[in-house]
Amino acid sequence: TPGDTAVYYCNAYVMTVSPAGPYE
């Protein structure tokens, strides 16, 4: 519907491994 008109964004909670250890 016209009410759905918008910019749509995705997001994600990502686990990354760094030299300091894993973090989200």
PDBML (XML) file of the C-alpha atoms, coordinates in Angstrom:
<?xml version="1.0" encoding="UTF-8" ?>
<PDBx:datablock datablockName="MODEL"
   xmlns:PDBx="http://pdbml.pdb.org/schema/pdbx-v50.xsd"
   xmlns:xsi="http://www.w3.org/2001/XMLSchema-instance"
   xsi:schemaLocation="http://pdbml.pdb.org/schema/pdbx-v50.xsd pdbx-v50.xsd">
   <PDBx:atom_siteCategory>
      <PDBx:atom_site id="1">
         <PDBx:B_iso_or_equiv>0.00</PDBx:B_iso_or_equiv>
         <PDBx:Cartn_x>0.000</PDBx:Cartn_x>
         <PDBx:Cartn_y>0.000</PDBx:Cartn_y>
         <PDBx:Cartn_z>0.000</PDBx:Cartn_z>
         <PDBx:auth_asym_id>A</PDBx:auth_asym_id>
         <PDBx:auth_atom_id>CA</PDBx:auth_atom_id>
         <PDBx:auth_comp_id>THR</PDBx:auth_comp_id>
         <PDBx:auth_seq_id>1</PDBx:auth_seq_id>
         <PDBx:group_PDB>ATOM</PDBx:group_PDB>
         <PDBx:label_alt_id xsi:nil="true" />
         <PDBx:label_asym_id>A</PDBx:label_asym_id>
         <PDBx:label_atom_id>CA</PDBx:label_atom_id>
         <PDBx:label_comp_id>THR</PDBx:label_comp_id>
         <PDBx:label_entity_id>1</PDBx:label_entity_id>
         <PDBx:label_seq_id>1</PDBx:label_seq_id>
         <PDBx:occupancy>1.00</PDBx:occupancy>
         <PDBx:pdbx_PDB_model_num>1</PDBx:pdbx_PDB_model_num>
         <PDBx:type_symbol>C</PDBx:type_symbol>
      </PDBx:atom_site>
      <PDBx:atom_site id="2">
         <PDBx:B_iso_or_equiv>0.00</PDBx:B_iso_or_equiv>
         <PDBx:Cartn_x>1.131</PDBx:Cartn_x>
         <PDBx:Cartn_y>3.625</PDBx:Cartn_y>
         <PDBx:Cartn_z>-0.284</PDBx:Cartn_z>
         <PDBx:auth_asym_id>A</PDBx:auth_asym_id>
         <PDBx:auth_atom_id>CA</PDBx:auth_atom_id>
         <PDBx:auth_comp_id>PRO</PDBx:auth_comp_id>
         <PDBx:auth_seq_id>2</PDBx:auth_seq_id>
         <PDBx:group_PDB>ATOM</PDBx:group_PDB>
         <PDBx:label_alt_id xsi:nil="true" />
         <PDBx:label_asym_id>A</PDBx:label_asym_id>
         <PDBx:label_atom_id>CA</PDBx:label_atom_id>
         <PDBx:label_comp_id>PRO</PDBx:label_comp_id>
         <PDBx:label_entity_id>1</PDBx:label_entity_id>
         <PDBx:label_seq_id>2</PDBx:label_seq_id>
         <PDBx:occupancy>1.00</PDBx:occupancy>
         <PDBx:pdbx_PDB_model_num>1</PDBx:pdbx_PDB_model_num>
         <PDBx:type_symbol>C</PDBx:type_symbol>
      </PDBx:atom_site>
      <PDBx:atom_site id="3">
         <PDBx:B_iso_or_equiv>0.00</PDBx:B_iso_or_equiv>
         <PDBx:Cartn_x>1.676</PDBx:Cartn_x>
         <PDBx:Cartn_y>3.507</PDBx:Cartn_y>
         <PDBx:Cartn_z>3.473</PDBx:Cartn_z>
         <PDBx:auth_asym_id>A</PDBx:auth_asym_id>
         <PDBx:auth_atom_id>CA</PDBx:auth_atom_id>
         <PDBx:auth_comp_id>GLY</PDBx:auth_comp_id>
         <PDBx:auth_seq_id>3</PDBx:auth_seq_id>
         <PDBx:group_PDB>ATOM</PDBx:group_PDB>
         <PDBx:label_alt_id xsi:nil="true" />
         <PDBx:label_asym_id>A</PDBx:label_asym_id>
         <PDBx:label_atom_id>CA</PDBx:label_atom_id>
         <PDBx:label_comp_id>GLY</PDBx:label_comp_id>
         <PDBx:label_entity_id>1</PDBx:label_entity_id>
         <PDBx:label_seq_id>3</PDBx:label_seq_id>
         <PDBx:occupancy>1.00</PDBx:occupancy>
         <PDBx:pdbx_PDB_model_num>1</PDBx:pdbx_PDB_model_num>
         <PDBx:type_symbol>C</PDBx:type_symbol>
      </PDBx:atom_site>
      <PDBx:atom_site id="4">
         <PDBx:B_iso_or_equiv>0.00</PDBx:B_iso_or_equiv>
         <PDBx:Cartn_x>4.539</PDBx:Cartn_x>
         <PDBx:Cartn_y>1.112</PDBx:Cartn_y>
         <PDBx:Cartn_z>2.877</PDBx:Cartn_z>
         <PDBx:auth_asym_id>A</PDBx:auth_asym_id>
         <PDBx:auth_atom_id>CA</PDBx:auth_atom_id>
         <PDBx:auth_comp_id>ASP</PDBx:auth_comp_id>
         <PDBx:auth_seq_id>4</PDBx:auth_seq_id>
         <PDBx:group_PDB>ATOM</PDBx:group_PDB>
         <PDBx:label_alt_id xsi:nil="true" />
         <PDBx:label_asym_id>A</PDBx:label_asym_id>
         <PDBx:label_atom_id>CA</PDBx:label_atom_id>
         <PDBx:label_comp_id>ASP</PDBx:label_comp_id>
         <PDBx:label_entity_id>1</PDBx:label_entity_id>
         <PDBx:label_seq_id>4</PDBx:label_seq_id>
         <PDBx:occupancy>1.00</PDBx:occupancy>
         <PDBx:pdbx_PDB_model_num>1</PDBx:pdbx_PDB_model_num>
         <PDBx:type_symbol>C</PDBx:type_symbol>
      </PDBx:atom_site>
      <PDBx:atom_site id="5">
         <PDBx:B_iso_or_equiv>0.00</PDBx:B_iso_or_equiv>
         <PDBx:Cartn_x>6.477</PDBx:Cartn_x>
         <PDBx:Cartn_y>3.734</PDBx:Cartn_y>
         <PDBx:Cartn_z>0.928</PDBx:Cartn_z>
         <PDBx:auth_asym_id>A</PDBx:auth_asym_id>
         <PDBx:auth_atom_id>CA</PDBx:auth_atom_id>
         <PDBx:auth_comp_id>THR</PDBx:auth_comp_id>
         <PDBx:auth_seq_id>5</PDBx:auth_seq_id>
         <PDBx:group_PDB>ATOM</PDBx:group_PDB>
         <PDBx:label_alt_id xsi:nil="true" />
         <PDBx:label_asym_id>A</PDBx:label_asym_id>
         <PDBx:label_atom_id>CA</PDBx:label_atom_id>
         <PDBx:label_comp_id>THR</PDBx:label_comp_id>
         <PDBx:label_entity_id>1</PDBx:label_entity_id>
         <PDBx:label_seq_id>5</PDBx:label_seq_id>
         <PDBx:occupancy>1.00</PDBx:occupancy>
         <PDBx:pdbx_PDB_model_num>1</PDBx:pdbx_PDB_model_num>
         <PDBx:type_symbol>C</PDBx:type_symbol>
      </PDBx:atom_site>
      <PDBx:atom_site id="6">
         <PDBx:B_iso_or_equiv>0.00</PDBx:B_iso_or_equiv>
         <PDBx:Cartn_x>9.761</PDBx:Cartn_x>
         <PDBx:Cartn_y>4.261</PDBx:Cartn_y>
         <PDBx:Cartn_z>2.753</PDBx:Cartn_z>
         <PDBx:auth_asym_id>A</PDBx:auth_asym_id>
         <PDBx:auth_atom_id>CA</PDBx:auth_atom_id>
         <PDBx:auth_comp_id>ALA</PDBx:auth_comp_id>
         <PDBx:auth_seq_id>6</PDBx:auth_seq_id>
         <PDBx:group_PDB>ATOM</PDBx:group_PDB>
         <PDBx:label_alt_id xsi:nil="true" />
         <PDBx:label_asym_id>A</PDBx:label_asym_id>
         <PDBx:label_atom_id>CA</PDBx:label_atom_id>
         <PDBx:label_comp_id>ALA</PDBx:label_comp_id>
         <PDBx:label_entity_id>1</PDBx:label_entity_id>
         <PDBx:label_seq_id>6</PDBx:label_seq_id>
         <PDBx:occupancy>1.00</PDBx:occupancy>
         <PDBx:pdbx_PDB_model_num>1</PDBx:pdbx_PDB_model_num>
         <PDBx:type_symbol>C</PDBx:type_symbol>
      </PDBx:atom_site>
      <PDBx:atom_site id="7">
         <PDBx:B_iso_or_equiv>0.00</PDBx:B_iso_or_equiv>
         <PDBx:Cartn_x>13.468</PDBx:Cartn_x>
         <PDBx:Cartn_y>3.654</PDBx:Cartn_y>
         <PDBx:Cartn_z>2.751</PDBx:Cartn_z>
         <PDBx:auth_asym_id>A</PDBx:auth_asym_id>
         <PDBx:auth_atom_id>CA</PDBx:auth_atom_id>
         <PDBx:auth_comp_id>VAL</PDBx:auth_comp_id>
         <PDBx:auth_seq_id>7</PDBx:auth_seq_id>
         <PDBx:group_PDB>ATOM</PDBx:group_PDB>
         <PDBx:label_alt_id xsi:nil="true" />
         <PDBx:label_asym_id>A</PDBx:label_asym_id>
         <PDBx:label_atom_id>CA</PDBx:label_atom_id>
         <PDBx:label_comp_id>VAL</PDBx:label_comp_id>
         <PDBx:label_entity_id>1</PDBx:label_entity_id>
         <PDBx:label_seq_id>7</PDBx:label_seq_id>
         <PDBx:occupancy>1.00</PDBx:occupancy>
         <PDBx:pdbx_PDB_model_num>1</PDBx:pdbx_PDB_model_num>
         <PDBx:type_symbol>C</PDBx:type_symbol>
      </PDBx:atom_site>
      <PDBx:atom_site id="8">
         <PDBx:B_iso_or_equiv>0.00</PDBx:B_iso_or_equiv>
         <PDBx:Cartn_x>13.986</PDBx:Cartn_x>
         <PDBx:Cartn_y>0.154</PDBx:Cartn_y>
         <PDBx:Cartn_z>4.109</PDBx:Cartn_z>
         <PDBx:auth_asym_id>A</PDBx:auth_asym_id>
         <PDBx:auth_atom_id>CA</PDBx:auth_atom_id>
         <PDBx:auth_comp_id>TYR</PDBx:auth_comp_id>
         <PDBx:auth_seq_id>8</PDBx:auth_seq_id>
         <PDBx:group_PDB>ATOM</PDBx:group_PDB>
         <PDBx:label_alt_id xsi:nil="true" />
         <PDBx:label_asym_id>A</PDBx:label_asym_id>
         <PDBx:label_atom_id>CA</PDBx:label_atom_id>
         <PDBx:label_comp_id>TYR</PDBx:label_comp_id>
         <PDBx:label_entity_id>1</PDBx:label_entity_id>
         <PDBx:label_seq_id>8</PDBx:label_seq_id>
         <PDBx:occupancy>1.00</PDBx:occupancy>
         <PDBx:pdbx_PDB_model_num>1</PDBx:pdbx_PDB_model_num>
         <PDBx:type_symbol>C</PDBx:type_symbol>
      </PDBx:atom_site>
      <PDBx:atom_site id="9">
         <PDBx:B_iso_or_equiv>0.00</PDBx:B_iso_or_equiv>
         <PDBx:Cartn_x>17.066</PDBx:Cartn_x>
         <PDBx:Cartn_y>-0.602</PDBx:Cartn_y>
         <PDBx:Cartn_z>6.201</PDBx:Cartn_z>
         <PDBx:auth_asym_id>A</PDBx:auth_asym_id>
         <PDBx:auth_atom_id>CA</PDBx:auth_atom_id>
         <PDBx:auth_comp_id>TYR</PDBx:auth_comp_id>
         <PDBx:auth_seq_id>9</PDBx:auth_seq_id>
         <PDBx:group_PDB>ATOM</PDBx:group_PDB>
         <PDBx:label_alt_id xsi:nil="true" />
         <PDBx:label_asym_id>A</PDBx:label_asym_id>
         <PDBx:label_atom_id>CA</PDBx:label_atom_id>
         <PDBx:label_comp_id>TYR</PDBx:label_comp_id>
         <PDBx:label_entity_id>1</PDBx:label_entity_id>
         <PDBx:label_seq_id>9</PDBx:label_seq_id>
         <PDBx:occupancy>1.00</PDBx:occupancy>
         <PDBx:pdbx_PDB_model_num>1</PDBx:pdbx_PDB_model_num>
         <PDBx:type_symbol>C</PDBx:type_symbol>
      </PDBx:atom_site>
      <PDBx:atom_site id="10">
         <PDBx:B_iso_or_equiv>0.00</PDBx:B_iso_or_equiv>
         <PDBx:Cartn_x>18.352</PDBx:Cartn_x>
         <PDBx:Cartn_y>-3.941</PDBx:Cartn_y>
         <PDBx:Cartn_z>7.339</PDBx:Cartn_z>
         <PDBx:auth_asym_id>A</PDBx:auth_asym_id>
         <PDBx:auth_atom_id>CA</PDBx:auth_atom_id>
         <PDBx:auth_comp_id>CYS</PDBx:auth_comp_id>
         <PDBx:auth_seq_id>10</PDBx:auth_seq_id>
         <PDBx:group_PDB>ATOM</PDBx:group_PDB>
         <PDBx:label_alt_id xsi:nil="true" />
         <PDBx:label_asym_id>A</PDBx:label_asym_id>
         <PDBx:label_atom_id>CA</PDBx:label_atom_id>
         <PDBx:label_comp_id>CYS</PDBx:label_comp_id>
         <PDBx:label_entity_id>1</PDBx:label_entity_id>
         <PDBx:label_seq_id>10</PDBx:label_seq_id>
         <PDBx:occupancy>1.00</PDBx:occupancy>
         <PDBx:pdbx_PDB_model_num>1</PDBx:pdbx_PDB_model_num>
         <PDBx:type_symbol>C</PDBx:type_symbol>
      </PDBx:atom_site>
      <PDBx:atom_site id="11">
         <PDBx:B_iso_or_equiv>0.00</PDBx:B_iso_or_equiv>
         <PDBx:Cartn_x>20.307</PDBx:Cartn_x>
         <PDBx:Cartn_y>-4.471</PDBx:Cartn_y>
         <PDBx:Cartn_z>10.508</PDBx:Cartn_z>
         <PDBx:auth_asym_id>A</PDBx:auth_asym_id>
         <PDBx:auth_atom_id>CA</PDBx:auth_atom_id>
         <PDBx:auth_comp_id>ASN</PDBx:auth_comp_id>
         <PDBx:auth_seq_id>11</PDBx:auth_seq_id>
         <PDBx:group_PDB>ATOM</PDBx:group_PDB>
         <PDBx:label_alt_id xsi:nil="true" />
         <PDBx:label_asym_id>A</PDBx:label_asym_id>
         <PDBx:label_atom_id>CA</PDBx:label_atom_id>
         <PDBx:label_comp_id>ASN</PDBx:label_comp_id>
         <PDBx:label_entity_id>1</PDBx:label_entity_id>
         <PDBx:label_seq_id>11</PDBx:label_seq_id>
         <PDBx:occupancy>1.00</PDBx:occupancy>
         <PDBx:pdbx_PDB_model_num>1</PDBx:pdbx_PDB_model_num>
         <PDBx:type_symbol>C</PDBx:type_symbol>
      </PDBx:atom_site>
      <PDBx:atom_site id="12">
         <PDBx:B_iso_or_equiv>0.00</PDBx:B_iso_or_equiv>
         <PDBx:Cartn_x>22.164</PDBx:Cartn_x>
         <PDBx:Cartn_y>-7.351</PDBx:Cartn_y>
         <PDBx:Cartn_z>12.022</PDBx:Cartn_z>
         <PDBx:auth_asym_id>A</PDBx:auth_asym_id>
         <PDBx:auth_atom_id>CA</PDBx:auth_atom_id>
         <PDBx:auth_comp_id>ALA</PDBx:auth_comp_id>
         <PDBx:auth_seq_id>12</PDBx:auth_seq_id>
         <PDBx:group_PDB>ATOM</PDBx:group_PDB>
         <PDBx:label_alt_id xsi:nil="true" />
         <PDBx:label_asym_id>A</PDBx:label_asym_id>
         <PDBx:label_atom_id>CA</PDBx:label_atom_id>
         <PDBx:label_comp_id>ALA</PDBx:label_comp_id>
         <PDBx:label_entity_id>1</PDBx:label_entity_id>
         <PDBx:label_seq_id>12</PDBx:label_seq_id>
         <PDBx:occupancy>1.00</PDBx:occupancy>
         <PDBx:pdbx_PDB_model_num>1</PDBx:pdbx_PDB_model_num>
         <PDBx:type_symbol>C</PDBx:type_symbol>
      </PDBx:atom_site>
      <PDBx:atom_site id="13">
         <PDBx:B_iso_or_equiv>0.00</PDBx:B_iso_or_equiv>
         <PDBx:Cartn_x>23.841</PDBx:Cartn_x>
         <PDBx:Cartn_y>-8.279</PDBx:Cartn_y>
         <PDBx:Cartn_z>15.292</PDBx:Cartn_z>
         <PDBx:auth_asym_id>A</PDBx:auth_asym_id>
         <PDBx:auth_atom_id>CA</PDBx:auth_atom_id>
         <PDBx:auth_comp_id>TYR</PDBx:auth_comp_id>
         <PDBx:auth_seq_id>13</PDBx:auth_seq_id>
         <PDBx:group_PDB>ATOM</PDBx:group_PDB>
         <PDBx:label_alt_id xsi:nil="true" />
         <PDBx:label_asym_id>A</PDBx:label_asym_id>
         <PDBx:label_atom_id>CA</PDBx:label_atom_id>
         <PDBx:label_comp_id>TYR</PDBx:label_comp_id>
         <PDBx:label_entity_id>1</PDBx:label_entity_id>
         <PDBx:label_seq_id>13</PDBx:label_seq_id>
         <PDBx:occupancy>1.00</PDBx:occupancy>
         <PDBx:pdbx_PDB_model_num>1</PDBx:pdbx_PDB_model_num>
         <PDBx:type_symbol>C</PDBx:type_symbol>
      </PDBx:atom_site>
      <PDBx:atom_site id="14">
         <PDBx:B_iso_or_equiv>0.00</PDBx:B_iso_or_equiv>
         <PDBx:Cartn_x>27.167</PDBx:Cartn_x>
         <PDBx:Cartn_y>-9.680</PDBx:Cartn_y>
         <PDBx:Cartn_z>14.153</PDBx:Cartn_z>
         <PDBx:auth_asym_id>A</PDBx:auth_asym_id>
         <PDBx:auth_atom_id>CA</PDBx:auth_atom_id>
         <PDBx:auth_comp_id>VAL</PDBx:auth_comp_id>
         <PDBx:auth_seq_id>14</PDBx:auth_seq_id>
         <PDBx:group_PDB>ATOM</PDBx:group_PDB>
         <PDBx:label_alt_id xsi:nil="true" />
         <PDBx:label_asym_id>A</PDBx:label_asym_id>
         <PDBx:label_atom_id>CA</PDBx:label_atom_id>
         <PDBx:label_comp_id>VAL</PDBx:label_comp_id>
         <PDBx:label_entity_id>1</PDBx:label_entity_id>
         <PDBx:label_seq_id>14</PDBx:label_seq_id>
         <PDBx:occupancy>1.00</PDBx:occupancy>
         <PDBx:pdbx_PDB_model_num>1</PDBx:pdbx_PDB_model_num>
         <PDBx:type_symbol>C</PDBx:type_symbol>
      </PDBx:atom_site>
      <PDBx:atom_site id="15">
         <PDBx:B_iso_or_equiv>0.00</PDBx:B_iso_or_equiv>
         <PDBx:Cartn_x>29.755</PDBx:Cartn_x>
         <PDBx:Cartn_y>-11.587</PDBx:Cartn_y>
         <PDBx:Cartn_z>16.124</PDBx:Cartn_z>
         <PDBx:auth_asym_id>A</PDBx:auth_asym_id>
         <PDBx:auth_atom_id>CA</PDBx:auth_atom_id>
         <PDBx:auth_comp_id>MET</PDBx:auth_comp_id>
         <PDBx:auth_seq_id>15</PDBx:auth_seq_id>
         <PDBx:group_PDB>ATOM</PDBx:group_PDB>
         <PDBx:label_alt_id xsi:nil="true" />
         <PDBx:label_asym_id>A</PDBx:label_asym_id>
         <PDBx:label_atom_id>CA</PDBx:label_atom_id>
         <PDBx:label_comp_id>MET</PDBx:label_comp_id>
         <PDBx:label_entity_id>1</PDBx:label_entity_id>
         <PDBx:label_seq_id>15</PDBx:label_seq_id>
         <PDBx:occupancy>1.00</PDBx:occupancy>
         <PDBx:pdbx_PDB_model_num>1</PDBx:pdbx_PDB_model_num>
         <PDBx:type_symbol>C</PDBx:type_symbol>
      </PDBx:atom_site>
      <PDBx:atom_site id="16">
         <PDBx:B_iso_or_equiv>0.00</PDBx:B_iso_or_equiv>
         <PDBx:Cartn_x>33.247</PDBx:Cartn_x>
         <PDBx:Cartn_y>-10.584</PDBx:Cartn_y>
         <PDBx:Cartn_z>15.048</PDBx:Cartn_z>
         <PDBx:auth_asym_id>A</PDBx:auth_asym_id>
         <PDBx:auth_atom_id>CA</PDBx:auth_atom_id>
         <PDBx:auth_comp_id>THR</PDBx:auth_comp_id>
         <PDBx:auth_seq_id>16</PDBx:auth_seq_id>
         <PDBx:group_PDB>ATOM</PDBx:group_PDB>
         <PDBx:label_alt_id xsi:nil="true" />
         <PDBx:label_asym_id>A</PDBx:label_asym_id>
         <PDBx:label_atom_id>CA</PDBx:label_atom_id>
         <PDBx:label_comp_id>THR</PDBx:label_comp_id>
         <PDBx:label_entity_id>1</PDBx:label_entity_id>
         <PDBx:label_seq_id>16</PDBx:label_seq_id>
         <PDBx:occupancy>1.00</PDBx:occupancy>
         <PDBx:pdbx_PDB_model_num>1</PDBx:pdbx_PDB_model_num>
         <PDBx:type_symbol>C</PDBx:type_symbol>
      </PDBx:atom_site>
      <PDBx:atom_site id="17">
         <PDBx:B_iso_or_equiv>0.00</PDBx:B_iso_or_equiv>
         <PDBx:Cartn_x>36.540</PDBx:Cartn_x>
         <PDBx:Cartn_y>-12.054</PDBx:Cartn_y>
         <PDBx:Cartn_z>16.126</PDBx:Cartn_z>
         <PDBx:auth_asym_id>A</PDBx:auth_asym_id>
         <PDBx:auth_atom_id>CA</PDBx:auth_atom_id>
         <PDBx:auth_comp_id>VAL</PDBx:auth_comp_id>
         <PDBx:auth_seq_id>17</PDBx:auth_seq_id>
         <PDBx:group_PDB>ATOM</PDBx:group_PDB>
         <PDBx:label_alt_id xsi:nil="true" />
         <PDBx:label_asym_id>A</PDBx:label_asym_id>
         <PDBx:label_atom_id>CA</PDBx:label_atom_id>
         <PDBx:label_comp_id>VAL</PDBx:label_comp_id>
         <PDBx:label_entity_id>1</PDBx:label_entity_id>
         <PDBx:label_seq_id>17</PDBx:label_seq_id>
         <PDBx:occupancy>1.00</PDBx:occupancy>
         <PDBx:pdbx_PDB_model_num>1</PDBx:pdbx_PDB_model_num>
         <PDBx:type_symbol>C</PDBx:type_symbol>
      </PDBx:atom_site>
      <PDBx:atom_site id="18">
         <PDBx:B_iso_or_equiv>0.00</PDBx:B_iso_or_equiv>
         <PDBx:Cartn_x>39.241</PDBx:Cartn_x>
         <PDBx:Cartn_y>-9.534</PDBx:Cartn_y>
         <PDBx:Cartn_z>16.920</PDBx:Cartn_z>
         <PDBx:auth_asym_id>A</PDBx:auth_asym_id>
         <PDBx:auth_atom_id>CA</PDBx:auth_atom_id>
         <PDBx:auth_comp_id>SER</PDBx:auth_comp_id>
         <PDBx:auth_seq_id>18</PDBx:auth_seq_id>
         <PDBx:group_PDB>ATOM</PDBx:group_PDB>
         <PDBx:label_alt_id xsi:nil="true" />
         <PDBx:label_asym_id>A</PDBx:label_asym_id>
         <PDBx:label_atom_id>CA</PDBx:label_atom_id>
         <PDBx:label_comp_id>SER</PDBx:label_comp_id>
         <PDBx:label_entity_id>1</PDBx:label_entity_id>
         <PDBx:label_seq_id>18</PDBx:label_seq_id>
         <PDBx:occupancy>1.00</PDBx:occupancy>
         <PDBx:pdbx_PDB_model_num>1</PDBx:pdbx_PDB_model_num>
         <PDBx:type_symbol>C</PDBx:type_symbol>
      </PDBx:atom_site>
      <PDBx:atom_site id="19">
         <PDBx:B_iso_or_equiv>0.00</PDBx:B_iso_or_equiv>
         <PDBx:Cartn_x>42.716</PDBx:Cartn_x>
         <PDBx:Cartn_y>-9.800</PDBx:Cartn_y>
         <PDBx:Cartn_z>18.464</PDBx:Cartn_z>
         <PDBx:auth_asym_id>A</PDBx:auth_asym_id>
         <PDBx:auth_atom_id>CA</PDBx:auth_atom_id>
         <PDBx:auth_comp_id>PRO</PDBx:auth_comp_id>
         <PDBx:auth_seq_id>19</PDBx:auth_seq_id>
         <PDBx:group_PDB>ATOM</PDBx:group_PDB>
         <PDBx:label_alt_id xsi:nil="true" />
         <PDBx:label_asym_id>A</PDBx:label_asym_id>
         <PDBx:label_atom_id>CA</PDBx:label_atom_id>
         <PDBx:label_comp_id>PRO</PDBx:label_comp_id>
         <PDBx:label_entity_id>1</PDBx:label_entity_id>
         <PDBx:label_seq_id>19</PDBx:label_seq_id>
         <PDBx:occupancy>1.00</PDBx:occupancy>
         <PDBx:pdbx_PDB_model_num>1</PDBx:pdbx_PDB_model_num>
         <PDBx:type_symbol>C</PDBx:type_symbol>
      </PDBx:atom_site>
      <PDBx:atom_site id="20">
         <PDBx:B_iso_or_equiv>0.00</PDBx:B_iso_or_equiv>
         <PDBx:Cartn_x>41.064</PDBx:Cartn_x>
         <PDBx:Cartn_y>-8.790</PDBx:Cartn_y>
         <PDBx:Cartn_z>21.727</PDBx:Cartn_z>
         <PDBx:auth_asym_id>A</PDBx:auth_asym_id>
         <PDBx:auth_atom_id>CA</PDBx:auth_atom_id>
         <PDBx:auth_comp_id>ALA</PDBx:auth_comp_id>
         <PDBx:auth_seq_id>20</PDBx:auth_seq_id>
         <PDBx:group_PDB>ATOM</PDBx:group_PDB>
         <PDBx:label_alt_id xsi:nil="true" />
         <PDBx:label_asym_id>A</PDBx:label_asym_id>
         <PDBx:label_atom_id>CA</PDBx:label_atom_id>
         <PDBx:label_comp_id>ALA</PDBx:label_comp_id>
         <PDBx:label_entity_id>1</PDBx:label_entity_id>
         <PDBx:label_seq_id>20</PDBx:label_seq_id>
         <PDBx:occupancy>1.00</PDBx:occupancy>
         <PDBx:pdbx_PDB_model_num>1</PDBx:pdbx_PDB_model_num>
         <PDBx:type_symbol>C</PDBx:type_symbol>
      </PDBx:atom_site>
      <PDBx:atom_site id="21">
         <PDBx:B_iso_or_equiv>0.00</PDBx:B_iso_or_equiv>
         <PDBx:Cartn_x>38.521</PDBx:Cartn_x>
         <PDBx:Cartn_y>-11.585</PDBx:Cartn_y>
         <PDBx:Cartn_z>21.428</PDBx:Cartn_z>
         <PDBx:auth_asym_id>A</PDBx:auth_asym_id>
         <PDBx:auth_atom_id>CA</PDBx:auth_atom_id>
         <PDBx:auth_comp_id>GLY</PDBx:auth_comp_id>
         <PDBx:auth_seq_id>21</PDBx:auth_seq_id>
         <PDBx:group_PDB>ATOM</PDBx:group_PDB>
         <PDBx:label_alt_id xsi:nil="true" />
         <PDBx:label_asym_id>A</PDBx:label_asym_id>
         <PDBx:label_atom_id>CA</PDBx:label_atom_id>
         <PDBx:label_comp_id>GLY</PDBx:label_comp_id>
         <PDBx:label_entity_id>1</PDBx:label_entity_id>
         <PDBx:label_seq_id>21</PDBx:label_seq_id>
         <PDBx:occupancy>1.00</PDBx:occupancy>
         <PDBx:pdbx_PDB_model_num>1</PDBx:pdbx_PDB_model_num>
         <PDBx:type_symbol>C</PDBx:type_symbol>
      </PDBx:atom_site>
      <PDBx:atom_site id="22">
         <PDBx:B_iso_or_equiv>0.00</PDBx:B_iso_or_equiv>
         <PDBx:Cartn_x>34.995</PDBx:Cartn_x>
         <PDBx:Cartn_y>-12.013</PDBx:Cartn_y>
         <PDBx:Cartn_z>20.061</PDBx:Cartn_z>
         <PDBx:auth_asym_id>A</PDBx:auth_asym_id>
         <PDBx:auth_atom_id>CA</PDBx:auth_atom_id>
         <PDBx:auth_comp_id>PRO</PDBx:auth_comp_id>
         <PDBx:auth_seq_id>22</PDBx:auth_seq_id>
         <PDBx:group_PDB>ATOM</PDBx:group_PDB>
         <PDBx:label_alt_id xsi:nil="true" />
         <PDBx:label_asym_id>A</PDBx:label_asym_id>
         <PDBx:label_atom_id>CA</PDBx:label_atom_id>
         <PDBx:label_comp_id>PRO</PDBx:label_comp_id>
         <PDBx:label_entity_id>1</PDBx:label_entity_id>
         <PDBx:label_seq_id>22</PDBx:label_seq_id>
         <PDBx:occupancy>1.00</PDBx:occupancy>
         <PDBx:pdbx_PDB_model_num>1</PDBx:pdbx_PDB_model_num>
         <PDBx:type_symbol>C</PDBx:type_symbol>
      </PDBx:atom_site>
      <PDBx:atom_site id="23">
         <PDBx:B_iso_or_equiv>0.00</PDBx:B_iso_or_equiv>
         <PDBx:Cartn_x>32.458</PDBx:Cartn_x>
         <PDBx:Cartn_y>-9.239</PDBx:Cartn_y>
         <PDBx:Cartn_z>20.369</PDBx:Cartn_z>
         <PDBx:auth_asym_id>A</PDBx:auth_asym_id>
         <PDBx:auth_atom_id>CA</PDBx:auth_atom_id>
         <PDBx:auth_comp_id>TYR</PDBx:auth_comp_id>
         <PDBx:auth_seq_id>23</PDBx:auth_seq_id>
         <PDBx:group_PDB>ATOM</PDBx:group_PDB>
         <PDBx:label_alt_id xsi:nil="true" />
         <PDBx:label_asym_id>A</PDBx:label_asym_id>
         <PDBx:label_atom_id>CA</PDBx:label_atom_id>
         <PDBx:label_comp_id>TYR</PDBx:label_comp_id>
         <PDBx:label_entity_id>1</PDBx:label_entity_id>
         <PDBx:label_seq_id>23</PDBx:label_seq_id>
         <PDBx:occupancy>1.00</PDBx:occupancy>
         <PDBx:pdbx_PDB_model_num>1</PDBx:pdbx_PDB_model_num>
         <PDBx:type_symbol>C</PDBx:type_symbol>
      </PDBx:atom_site>
      <PDBx:atom_site id="24">
         <PDBx:B_iso_or_equiv>0.00</PDBx:B_iso_or_equiv>
         <PDBx:Cartn_x>28.998</PDBx:Cartn_x>
         <PDBx:Cartn_y>-8.467</PDBx:Cartn_y>
         <PDBx:Cartn_z>19.068</PDBx:Cartn_z>
         <PDBx:auth_asym_id>A</PDBx:auth_asym_id>
         <PDBx:auth_atom_id>CA</PDBx:auth_atom_id>
         <PDBx:auth_comp_id>GLU</PDBx:auth_comp_id>
         <PDBx:auth_seq_id>24</PDBx:auth_seq_id>
         <PDBx:group_PDB>ATOM</PDBx:group_PDB>
         <PDBx:label_alt_id xsi:nil="true" />
         <PDBx:label_asym_id>A</PDBx:label_asym_id>
         <PDBx:label_atom_id>CA</PDBx:label_atom_id>
         <PDBx:label_comp_id>GLU</PDBx:label_comp_id>
         <PDBx:label_entity_id>1</PDBx:label_entity_id>
         <PDBx:label_seq_id>24</PDBx:label_seq_id>
         <PDBx:occupancy>1.00</PDBx:occupancy>
         <PDBx:pdbx_PDB_model_num>1</PDBx:pdbx_PDB_model_num>
         <PDBx:type_symbol>C</PDBx:type_symbol>
      </PDBx:atom_site>
   </PDBx:atom_siteCategory>
</PDBx:datablock>
